[in-house]
Amino acid sequence: MGLKPIAILNKLQIKNSPFRGLGGMKYLIVGLGNIGPEYADTRHNIGFMILDELAKQESAQFFNMRLAYYTEVNYKARTLHLIKPTTYMNLSGKALNHWMKELKIPVENVLVLVDDIALPFGTLRLKPKGSAAGHNGLKHIEATLGHNDYARLRFGVSDNFPKGRQVDYVLDGFDKDELPELPALIDRSIEIIKSFVTIGAELTMTKYNR
């Protein structure tokens, strides 16, 4: 307890550790989702899926640490601290708040990756702040922080569900006709993350929001 993540990993003597952040600007990238195989690859877990692909592209490995799976990658003299909360969606704010404090990262350097039923599938939209719009993960983050002034990348999953079936819909997998498009959308999400940490929210919105 109290040891910094890097110290913990050194103590465990993890071979070929991907943890190589050396100064520079620090960012916390939070992919929302639920742990457990029954939730893997569901719409609600798109935040996990994006971070899994980013880590894979950077040859980084997640480790089960306090309140989250954690890893970090370097990009253009910036350190991106990636977390996938292990609190389940409804308590996401707990993990975000802990790692913000642990790593001393200001809220303006936080980006949350979230599924959004209000946007059609294929739409990616970065917002510097905003309401939770009924999303339980965002609601808990807002309640924990006491405000909603944090950036989020909204990944459109559409709303093709009958009335009253929203929970079933977001906890289900993507449709067969959507699956072929997923890899390119995840790659574009990674581009947006990298843009956010280099040129900021406003310029990234201008470049990528449609």
Protein backbone atom coordinates (compact mmCIF):
# COMPACT_ATOMS: atom_id res chain seq x y z
CA MET A 1 0.00 0.00 0.00
CA GLY A 2 1.23 3.50 -0.72
CA LEU A 3 3.91 2.28 -3.13
CA LYS A 4 3.82 3.90 -6.51
CA PRO A 5 2.79 1.60 -9.42
CA ILE A 6 6.30 1.62 -10.88
CA ALA A 7 7.81 0.62 -7.54
CA ILE A 8 5.35 -2.24 -7.24
CA LEU A 9 6.25 -3.51 -10.68
CA ASN A 10 9.98 -3.25 -10.02
CA LYS A 11 9.50 -5.18 -6.82
CA LEU A 12 7.71 -7.92 -8.77
CA GLN A 13 10.61 -7.89 -11.24
CA ILE A 14 8.35 -8.06 -14.27
CA LYS A 15 10.45 -8.90 -17.29
CA ASN A 16 10.41 -6.53 -20.24
CA SER A 17 8.23 -4.11 -18.32
CA PRO A 18 6.40 -1.65 -20.61
CA PHE A 19 6.41 0.93 -17.80
CA ARG A 20 8.95 3.39 -19.11
CA GLY A 21 7.35 6.81 -18.59
CA LEU A 22 10.07 9.41 -18.21
CA GLY A 23 8.75 12.79 -17.18
CA GLY A 24 6.94 14.90 -19.73
CA MET A 25 3.22 15.56 -19.57
CA LYS A 26 0.99 12.97 -17.95
CA TYR A 27 -2.50 11.98 -19.06
CA LEU A 28 -5.05 9.59 -17.59
CA ILE A 29 -7.06 7.71 -20.21
CA VAL A 30 -10.02 5.88 -18.67
CA GLY A 31 -11.79 3.20 -20.68
CA LEU A 32 -15.19 2.40 -19.17
CA GLY A 33 -16.55 -1.12 -19.03
CA ASN A 34 -17.35 -4.11 -16.85
CA ILE A 35 -14.88 -6.84 -15.90
CA GLY A 36 -15.65 -10.50 -16.54
CA PRO A 37 -15.89 -12.67 -19.66
CA GLU A 38 -19.66 -12.24 -19.87
CA TYR A 39 -19.16 -8.52 -20.58
CA ALA A 40 -16.24 -8.81 -23.00
CA ASP A 41 -16.82 -7.26 -26.45
CA THR A 42 -20.21 -5.81 -25.50
CA ARG A 43 -21.27 -2.30 -26.49
CA HIS A 44 -20.88 -1.10 -22.89
CA ASN A 45 -17.25 -2.28 -22.95
CA ILE A 46 -16.07 -0.30 -25.95
CA GLY A 47 -13.82 1.76 -23.62
CA PHE A 48 -11.99 -1.42 -22.58
CA MET A 49 -11.75 -2.53 -26.22
CA ILE A 50 -10.15 0.74 -27.33
CA LEU A 51 -7.53 0.62 -24.56
CA ASP A 52 -6.83 -3.07 -25.22
CA GLU A 53 -6.04 -2.24 -28.84
CA LEU A 54 -3.93 0.81 -27.93
CA ALA A 55 -1.91 -1.28 -25.47
CA LYS A 56 -1.51 -4.03 -28.06
CA GLN A 57 -0.25 -1.58 -30.68
CA GLU A 58 2.30 -0.22 -28.19
CA SER A 59 3.30 -3.71 -26.92
CA ALA A 60 2.14 -2.77 -23.41
CA GLN A 61 0.61 -5.17 -20.91
CA PHE A 62 -2.12 -4.42 -18.37
CA PHE A 63 -1.58 -5.33 -14.73
CA ASN A 64 -4.30 -5.83 -12.12
CA MET A 65 -3.68 -3.02 -9.66
CA ARG A 66 -5.76 -0.98 -7.25
CA LEU A 67 -9.31 -0.52 -8.57
CA ALA A 68 -8.19 -0.97 -12.19
CA TYR A 69 -6.16 -2.77 -14.79
CA TYR A 70 -3.28 -0.38 -15.39
CA THR A 71 -0.56 0.20 -17.95
CA GLU A 72 1.17 3.15 -19.52
CA VAL A 73 2.53 4.04 -22.93
CA ASN A 74 4.64 6.91 -24.21
CA TYR A 75 3.66 9.12 -27.12
CA LYS A 76 5.54 12.25 -28.24
CA ALA A 77 7.13 12.96 -24.85
CA ARG A 78 3.83 12.36 -23.09
CA THR A 79 2.98 9.52 -20.76
CA LEU A 80 -0.47 8.03 -21.22
CA HIS A 81 -1.62 6.21 -18.08
CA LEU A 82 -4.32 3.78 -19.22
CA ILE A 83 -6.84 2.35 -16.79
CA LYS A 84 -9.73 -0.08 -17.12
CA PRO A 85 -11.67 0.16 -13.83
CA THR A 86 -12.33 -3.13 -12.04
CA THR A 87 -15.11 -1.53 -9.97
CA TYR A 88 -17.84 -2.32 -12.50
CA MET A 89 -19.42 0.48 -14.48
CA ASN A 90 -21.58 1.99 -11.72
CA LEU A 91 -18.56 2.78 -9.53
CA SER A 92 -16.19 3.99 -12.27
CA GLY A 93 -15.56 7.29 -10.47
CA LYS A 94 -13.81 5.46 -7.63
CA ALA A 95 -11.06 4.20 -9.93
CA LEU A 96 -10.74 7.47 -11.86
CA ASN A 97 -10.47 9.51 -8.65
CA HIS A 98 -7.91 7.15 -7.09
CA TRP A 99 -5.59 7.17 -10.11
CA MET A 100 -5.91 10.93 -10.65
CA LYS A 101 -4.68 11.44 -7.08
CA GLU A 102 -2.12 8.63 -7.16
CA LEU A 103 -0.51 9.96 -10.33
CA LYS A 104 -1.19 13.65 -9.58
CA ILE A 105 -2.89 14.20 -12.92
CA PRO A 106 -5.11 17.32 -13.26
CA VAL A 107 -8.67 16.83 -14.49
CA GLU A 108 -7.92 18.70 -17.72
CA ASN A 109 -5.53 15.86 -18.61
CA VAL A 110 -8.18 13.17 -18.12
CA LEU A 111 -10.05 11.56 -21.02
CA VAL A 112 -12.90 9.07 -20.51
CA LEU A 113 -13.86 6.62 -23.27
CA VAL A 114 -17.55 5.77 -23.21
CA ASP A 115 -20.32 4.14 -25.25
CA ASP A 116 -23.19 6.44 -26.25
CA ILE A 117 -26.65 5.29 -27.38
CA ALA A 118 -27.56 8.86 -28.40
CA LEU A 119 -25.06 8.71 -31.28
CA PRO A 120 -25.44 6.47 -34.33
CA PHE A 121 -22.98 3.62 -34.71
CA GLY A 122 -19.83 4.88 -36.42
CA THR A 123 -19.99 8.35 -34.86
CA LEU A 124 -17.11 9.39 -32.62
CA ARG A 125 -17.42 12.65 -30.75
CA LEU A 126 -14.99 14.29 -28.35
CA LYS A 127 -16.50 16.64 -25.76
CA PRO A 128 -14.55 18.73 -23.21
CA LYS A 129 -17.38 18.42 -20.66
CA GLY A 130 -21.09 17.71 -20.48
CA SER A 131 -23.90 15.84 -18.81
CA ALA A 132 -23.86 12.11 -18.07
CA ALA A 133 -26.87 11.69 -20.40
CA GLY A 134 -28.11 8.77 -18.32
CA HIS A 135 -24.85 6.79 -18.52
CA ASN A 136 -24.22 5.17 -15.13
CA GLY A 137 -20.43 5.27 -15.46
CA LEU A 138 -20.42 8.99 -16.24
CA LYS A 139 -22.99 9.64 -13.50
CA HIS A 140 -20.70 8.10 -10.89
CA ILE A 141 -17.66 9.99 -12.20
CA GLU A 142 -19.61 13.26 -12.03
CA ALA A 143 -20.85 12.46 -8.49
CA THR A 144 -17.32 11.55 -7.35
CA LEU A 145 -15.63 14.61 -8.85
CA GLY A 146 -18.47 16.96 -7.98
CA HIS A 147 -18.58 18.36 -11.53
CA ASN A 148 -18.71 17.27 -15.18
CA ASP A 149 -15.78 19.33 -16.47
CA TYR A 150 -13.80 16.37 -17.82
CA ALA A 151 -13.26 15.33 -21.42
CA ARG A 152 -14.95 12.27 -22.84
CA LEU A 153 -14.78 10.48 -26.16
CA ARG A 154 -18.30 9.32 -26.99
CA PHE A 155 -18.39 6.20 -29.16
CA GLY A 156 -21.77 5.89 -30.86
CA VAL A 157 -23.47 2.52 -30.43
CA SER A 158 -26.91 3.64 -31.71
CA ASP A 159 -30.24 2.96 -30.00
CA ASN A 160 -31.76 0.09 -31.96
CA PHE A 161 -33.63 -1.43 -29.06
CA PRO A 162 -37.31 -1.69 -28.04
CA LYS A 163 -38.57 0.49 -25.20
CA GLY A 164 -37.35 -0.76 -21.84
CA ARG A 165 -34.57 -2.93 -23.29
CA GLN A 166 -31.66 -0.50 -23.05
CA VAL A 167 -29.73 -2.53 -20.47
CA ASP A 168 -29.98 -5.71 -22.54
CA TYR A 169 -28.88 -3.77 -25.61
CA VAL A 170 -25.72 -2.20 -24.18
CA LEU A 171 -24.73 -5.47 -22.47
CA ASP A 172 -25.04 -7.32 -25.77
CA GLY A 173 -22.40 -7.67 -28.50
CA PHE A 174 -22.26 -5.57 -31.64
CA ASP A 175 -24.44 -6.62 -34.57
CA LYS A 176 -22.95 -8.74 -37.34
CA ASP A 177 -23.14 -5.87 -39.82
CA GLU A 178 -21.31 -3.60 -37.33
CA LEU A 179 -18.43 -5.95 -36.51
CA PRO A 180 -16.49 -5.40 -39.78
CA GLU A 181 -16.43 -1.64 -39.10
CA LEU A 182 -15.25 -1.93 -35.48
CA PRO A 183 -11.46 -2.20 -36.06
CA ALA A 184 -11.33 1.02 -38.10
CA LEU A 185 -13.48 2.86 -35.54
CA ILE A 186 -11.26 1.66 -32.69
CA ASP A 187 -8.17 2.79 -34.63
CA ARG A 188 -9.78 6.19 -35.20
CA SER A 189 -10.56 6.40 -31.48
CA ILE A 190 -6.86 5.80 -30.78
CA GLU A 191 -5.99 8.59 -33.23
CA ILE A 192 -8.33 10.90 -31.30
CA ILE A 193 -6.71 9.96 -27.99
CA LYS A 194 -3.26 10.73 -29.39
CA SER A 195 -4.52 14.00 -30.83
CA PHE A 196 -6.11 14.98 -27.50
CA VAL A 197 -2.83 14.54 -25.63
CA THR A 198 -0.81 16.48 -28.21
CA ILE A 199 -2.99 19.34 -29.49
CA GLY A 200 -5.76 19.43 -26.88
CA ALA A 201 -9.53 19.02 -26.90
CA GLU A 202 -10.59 22.03 -28.98
CA LEU A 203 -8.32 21.40 -31.98
CA THR A 204 -9.03 17.67 -31.82
CA MET A 205 -12.78 18.37 -31.90
CA THR A 206 -12.32 20.56 -34.96
CA LYS A 207 -10.32 17.84 -36.68
CA TYR A 208 -12.36 14.75 -35.81
CA ASN A 209 -15.91 15.64 -34.72
CA ARG A 210 -18.49 15.27 -37.47
